[in-house]
Amino acid sequence: MGEPLAFPPREYQALVCGPDGTDLFEQAGQWLVDLLSYEGMLAPGTDFLDIGCGCGRVARYLLDSPIKTYRGFDRHHGMVNWCSEEISKSDPRFSFDFFPLKSSCYEHWDSERGALAVEDFHFPYRDASFNSCLLASVFTHMPPNEVRHYMAELTRVVRKGGKIVLSVFFSPSGKLEFHDNGLNVFCDAREFYDDLGRRPWDVRRPGHSFEPGHRFVPGETAAHTASPELIKPYEHVWHVLTRV
């Protein structure tokens, strides 16, 4: 075996997980990989897409997985460079792309001034390129128009039968809200589900929730209804989408 993979600079870890140190970075990354494995998304032959890959929080824990290929992309040039230098050189299955995307929500947090509007960005991948995809805390920082555009692109690049794991924040008021100096987007649940319902996806809320200091525990599957009593307004609400 080669040398253990180094951890990214703490400033990058903080951009991904907040300023709570390497422990949270590790815990969240491993929890996500456990979720993906539980959903059968890391099987041999899998072509995996990690949107908002950051500094490899998930990729580092996939090096021992049997997936066929991994493709990650992010809007942060430094983090993508770090992944290319540290992860791609360790395993040629892994590749990372940088795209200078604008983010009205995230720019004040990471100081990355993008040049390309999200709604003008088309994923540079062929149709039906992937059968597994992760968007961990991506839609939580995107307004609804950008989410709709990404879902259109995902519908194109994910194969039939393929799966997506993603998280969102839901607004307790039932209206679009921006919190934490505009960083976090809390969407209208009914609007979110209505948008998904117009696309060829089966939608599940499997009931998983990340808690620091705790390992992944499978939860009960919830219906994809937008009933207010089933919505956790200030937590990541995880979804599994299957392309039909």
Protein backbone atom coordinates (compact mmCIF):
# COMPACT_ATOMS: atom_id res chain seq x y z
CA MET A 1 0.00 0.00 0.00
CA GLY A 2 1.09 3.55 -0.66
CA GLU A 3 1.34 6.40 1.81
CA PRO A 4 -1.94 7.50 3.44
CA LEU A 5 -3.67 10.32 1.60
CA ALA A 6 -2.89 13.71 3.10
CA PHE A 7 -5.70 15.88 4.39
CA PRO A 8 -6.44 19.09 2.51
CA PRO A 9 -5.50 22.43 4.07
CA ARG A 10 -7.70 23.35 7.01
CA GLU A 11 -8.95 26.43 5.18
CA TYR A 12 -10.41 24.14 2.51
CA GLN A 13 -11.91 21.80 5.09
CA ALA A 14 -13.57 24.80 6.75
CA LEU A 15 -15.11 25.92 3.45
CA VAL A 16 -16.63 22.47 3.06
CA CYS A 17 -17.65 21.63 6.64
CA GLY A 18 -17.34 24.80 8.67
CA PRO A 19 -14.58 25.70 11.14
CA ASP A 20 -14.90 22.62 13.36
CA GLY A 21 -11.76 20.82 12.28
CA THR A 22 -10.69 17.61 10.60
CA ASP A 23 -12.89 15.36 12.77
CA LEU A 24 -16.10 16.74 11.26
CA PHE A 25 -14.60 16.64 7.75
CA GLU A 26 -13.80 12.94 8.23
CA GLN A 27 -17.11 12.07 9.87
CA ALA A 28 -19.22 13.75 7.20
CA GLY A 29 -17.23 12.19 4.38
CA GLN A 30 -17.48 8.70 5.80
CA TRP A 31 -21.19 9.13 6.58
CA LEU A 32 -21.89 10.09 2.98
CA VAL A 33 -19.95 7.11 1.65
CA ASP A 34 -21.88 4.80 3.98
CA LEU A 35 -25.14 6.28 2.66
CA LEU A 36 -24.04 5.83 -0.95
CA SER A 37 -22.99 2.24 -0.27
CA TYR A 38 -26.29 1.49 1.46
CA GLU A 39 -28.12 2.76 -1.62
CA GLY A 40 -26.10 0.49 -3.89
CA MET A 41 -24.42 3.40 -5.65
CA LEU A 42 -20.81 2.20 -5.36
CA ALA A 43 -21.05 -1.16 -7.11
CA PRO A 44 -18.39 -2.43 -9.52
CA GLY A 45 -18.69 -0.73 -12.89
CA THR A 46 -20.20 2.46 -11.46
CA ASP A 47 -19.48 5.75 -13.20
CA PHE A 48 -19.78 8.28 -10.38
CA LEU A 49 -20.35 12.05 -10.59
CA ASP A 50 -19.67 14.25 -7.54
CA ILE A 51 -21.10 17.74 -8.03
CA GLY A 52 -19.59 20.26 -5.65
CA CYS A 53 -16.77 17.84 -4.86
CA GLY A 54 -14.85 20.45 -2.86
CA CYS A 55 -11.50 19.20 -1.58
CA GLY A 56 -12.35 15.50 -1.82
CA ARG A 57 -14.39 15.01 1.35
CA VAL A 58 -16.11 12.03 -0.29
CA ALA A 59 -13.58 11.12 -2.99
CA ARG A 60 -10.88 10.23 -0.45
CA TYR A 61 -13.12 7.51 0.99
CA LEU A 62 -13.91 6.05 -2.44
CA LEU A 63 -10.32 5.13 -3.28
CA ASP A 64 -10.89 1.60 -1.94
CA SER A 65 -14.29 1.23 -3.60
CA PRO A 66 -14.85 -0.89 -6.73
CA ILE A 67 -16.33 1.94 -8.80
CA LYS A 68 -15.19 2.18 -12.41
CA THR A 69 -14.73 5.96 -12.67
CA TYR A 70 -15.12 9.06 -10.51
CA ARG A 71 -15.65 12.55 -11.90
CA GLY A 72 -15.90 15.54 -9.58
CA PHE A 73 -16.38 19.20 -10.32
CA ASP A 74 -16.34 22.37 -8.28
CA ARG A 75 -16.19 26.15 -8.63
CA HIS A 76 -13.22 26.52 -6.27
CA HIS A 77 -9.99 26.47 -8.25
CA GLY A 78 -7.69 25.75 -5.31
CA MET A 79 -9.66 22.79 -4.06
CA VAL A 80 -9.90 21.23 -7.52
CA ASN A 81 -6.15 21.64 -7.97
CA TRP A 82 -5.52 20.00 -4.60
CA CYS A 83 -7.69 17.02 -5.55
CA SER A 84 -5.97 16.65 -8.91
CA GLU A 85 -2.54 16.71 -7.28
CA GLU A 86 -3.29 14.47 -4.31
CA ILE A 87 -6.11 12.15 -5.40
CA SER A 88 -5.88 11.78 -9.18
CA LYS A 89 -2.19 10.98 -8.92
CA SER A 90 -3.02 8.24 -6.42
CA ASP A 91 -5.70 6.66 -8.61
CA PRO A 92 -6.24 7.35 -12.34
CA ARG A 93 -9.94 6.49 -12.04
CA PHE A 94 -10.41 9.85 -10.33
CA SER A 95 -10.57 13.13 -12.25
CA PHE A 96 -11.58 16.64 -11.19
CA ASP A 97 -12.86 19.57 -13.21
CA PHE A 98 -12.87 23.27 -12.37
CA PHE A 99 -15.60 25.53 -13.73
CA PRO A 100 -15.64 29.25 -12.80
CA LEU A 101 -19.30 29.30 -11.84
CA LYS A 102 -20.91 32.33 -10.29
CA SER A 103 -22.59 31.88 -6.93
CA SER A 104 -24.53 34.76 -5.44
CA CYS A 105 -24.86 32.68 -2.24
CA TYR A 106 -21.35 31.29 -1.81
CA GLU A 107 -19.09 33.99 -3.21
CA HIS A 108 -18.88 35.97 0.03
CA TRP A 109 -17.89 32.77 1.84
CA ASP A 110 -15.12 31.48 -0.43
CA SER A 111 -14.12 34.71 -2.28
CA GLU A 112 -14.25 32.85 -5.61
CA ARG A 113 -15.63 35.29 -8.18
CA GLY A 114 -17.03 33.17 -10.97
CA ALA A 115 -17.39 34.27 -14.58
CA LEU A 116 -20.00 31.77 -15.78
CA ALA A 117 -23.68 32.01 -14.84
CA VAL A 118 -25.06 28.70 -13.62
CA GLU A 119 -28.00 28.81 -16.01
CA ASP A 120 -25.56 29.14 -18.94
CA PHE A 121 -23.49 26.17 -17.77
CA HIS A 122 -24.02 22.84 -19.47
CA PHE A 123 -22.28 19.84 -17.96
CA PRO A 124 -19.51 18.90 -20.43
CA TYR A 125 -20.38 15.22 -20.22
CA ARG A 126 -22.12 12.98 -22.74
CA ASP A 127 -25.73 11.92 -22.31
CA ALA A 128 -26.17 8.97 -19.94
CA SER A 129 -22.55 9.17 -18.76
CA PHE A 130 -23.18 8.29 -15.11
CA ASN A 131 -25.21 5.87 -13.03
CA SER A 132 -24.50 7.42 -9.60
CA CYS A 133 -24.37 11.08 -8.61
CA LEU A 134 -23.94 13.02 -5.37
CA LEU A 135 -24.89 16.62 -4.58
CA ALA A 136 -24.08 16.98 -0.88
CA SER A 137 -24.99 20.43 0.41
CA VAL A 138 -25.14 21.88 -3.11
CA PHE A 139 -28.82 22.76 -3.55
CA THR A 140 -28.68 24.20 -0.01
CA HIS A 141 -26.69 27.09 -1.53
CA MET A 142 -28.55 27.54 -4.83
CA PRO A 143 -31.74 29.49 -5.63
CA PRO A 144 -34.59 27.56 -7.30
CA ASN A 145 -33.82 28.69 -10.87
CA GLU A 146 -30.31 27.25 -10.58
CA VAL A 147 -31.60 24.03 -9.01
CA ARG A 148 -34.02 23.57 -11.91
CA HIS A 149 -31.20 24.01 -14.42
CA TYR A 150 -29.00 21.46 -12.65
CA MET A 151 -31.88 18.98 -12.53
CA ALA A 152 -32.33 19.36 -16.29
CA GLU A 153 -28.65 18.61 -16.82
CA LEU A 154 -28.78 15.66 -14.42
CA THR A 155 -31.75 14.24 -16.28
CA ARG A 156 -29.58 14.27 -19.37
CA VAL A 157 -26.32 12.82 -17.98
CA VAL A 158 -27.68 10.16 -15.58
CA ARG A 159 -28.63 6.80 -17.10
CA LYS A 160 -32.03 5.23 -16.67
CA GLY A 161 -31.99 3.31 -13.42
CA GLY A 162 -29.23 5.54 -12.07
CA LYS A 163 -29.47 7.26 -8.71
CA ILE A 164 -28.80 10.68 -7.23
CA VAL A 165 -28.33 11.50 -3.55
CA LEU A 166 -28.92 15.16 -2.73
CA SER A 167 -29.80 17.40 0.19
CA VAL A 168 -31.96 20.51 0.52
CA PHE A 169 -33.13 22.90 3.22
CA PHE A 170 -36.88 23.48 3.49
CA SER A 171 -38.39 26.74 4.63
CA PRO A 172 -40.76 26.49 7.61
CA SER A 173 -42.73 29.43 6.22
CA GLY A 174 -43.46 27.72 2.91
CA LYS A 175 -41.71 30.56 1.11
CA LEU A 176 -38.21 30.93 -0.28
CA GLU A 177 -35.82 32.19 2.41
CA PHE A 178 -32.14 33.12 2.53
CA HIS A 179 -30.30 32.81 5.84
CA ASP A 180 -26.78 33.24 7.26
CA ASN A 181 -25.87 36.31 5.23
CA GLY A 182 -27.43 34.75 2.14
CA LEU A 183 -25.29 31.60 2.26
CA ASN A 184 -28.05 29.07 2.92
CA VAL A 185 -31.19 28.74 0.79
CA PHE A 186 -34.38 27.42 2.34
CA CYS A 187 -36.76 26.47 -0.43
CA ASP A 188 -40.51 26.07 -0.66
CA ALA A 189 -41.06 22.31 -0.31
CA ARG A 190 -44.12 22.18 -2.53
CA GLU A 191 -42.38 24.09 -5.29
CA PHE A 192 -39.36 21.80 -5.00
CA TYR A 193 -41.44 18.63 -5.29
CA ASP A 194 -43.59 20.08 -8.07
CA ASP A 195 -40.43 20.78 -10.08
CA LEU A 196 -39.15 17.25 -9.51
CA GLY A 197 -42.55 15.84 -10.46
CA ARG A 198 -42.19 17.29 -13.95
CA ARG A 199 -39.07 15.22 -14.57
CA PRO A 200 -38.50 11.46 -14.96
CA TRP A 201 -37.38 10.75 -11.40
CA ASP A 202 -38.70 8.57 -8.62
CA VAL A 203 -38.19 10.54 -5.39
CA ARG A 204 -37.65 9.13 -1.89
CA ARG A 205 -36.80 10.68 1.45
CA PRO A 206 -35.05 7.79 3.20
CA GLY A 207 -34.99 9.39 6.63
CA HIS A 208 -31.22 9.58 7.09
CA SER A 209 -29.69 12.38 9.12
CA PHE A 210 -26.03 13.16 9.75
CA GLU A 211 -25.14 13.76 13.39
CA PRO A 212 -21.54 14.59 14.35
CA GLY A 213 -19.99 11.80 16.38
CA HIS A 214 -22.41 9.16 15.09
CA ARG A 215 -22.00 6.59 12.33
CA PHE A 216 -24.49 6.14 9.51
CA VAL A 217 -27.76 4.51 10.57
CA PRO A 218 -30.35 3.61 7.92
CA GLY A 219 -33.64 5.40 8.43
CA GLU A 220 -37.18 4.60 7.45
CA THR A 221 -38.24 5.68 3.99
CA ALA A 222 -40.65 8.60 3.95
CA ALA A 223 -43.12 9.34 1.20
CA HIS A 224 -42.19 12.15 -1.15
CA THR A 225 -45.14 14.22 -0.06
CA ALA A 226 -44.53 17.82 0.97
CA SER A 227 -46.69 17.50 4.09
CA PRO A 228 -45.40 20.07 6.61
CA GLU A 229 -45.27 17.57 9.47
CA LEU A 230 -42.70 15.50 7.55
CA ILE A 231 -40.37 18.40 6.84
CA LYS A 232 -37.33 19.22 8.96
CA PRO A 233 -37.01 22.96 8.43
CA TYR A 234 -33.45 23.57 9.65
CA GLU A 235 -31.71 20.32 8.78
CA HIS A 236 -30.37 18.80 5.60
CA VAL A 237 -33.24 16.81 4.16
CA TRP A 238 -31.73 13.96 2.18
CA HIS A 239 -33.33 12.56 -0.96
CA VAL A 240 -32.65 9.60 -3.22
CA LEU A 241 -33.75 10.08 -6.82
CA THR A 242 -33.89 7.20 -9.30
CA ARG A 243 -33.95 7.95 -13.04
CA VAL A 244 -36.96 6.33 -14.71
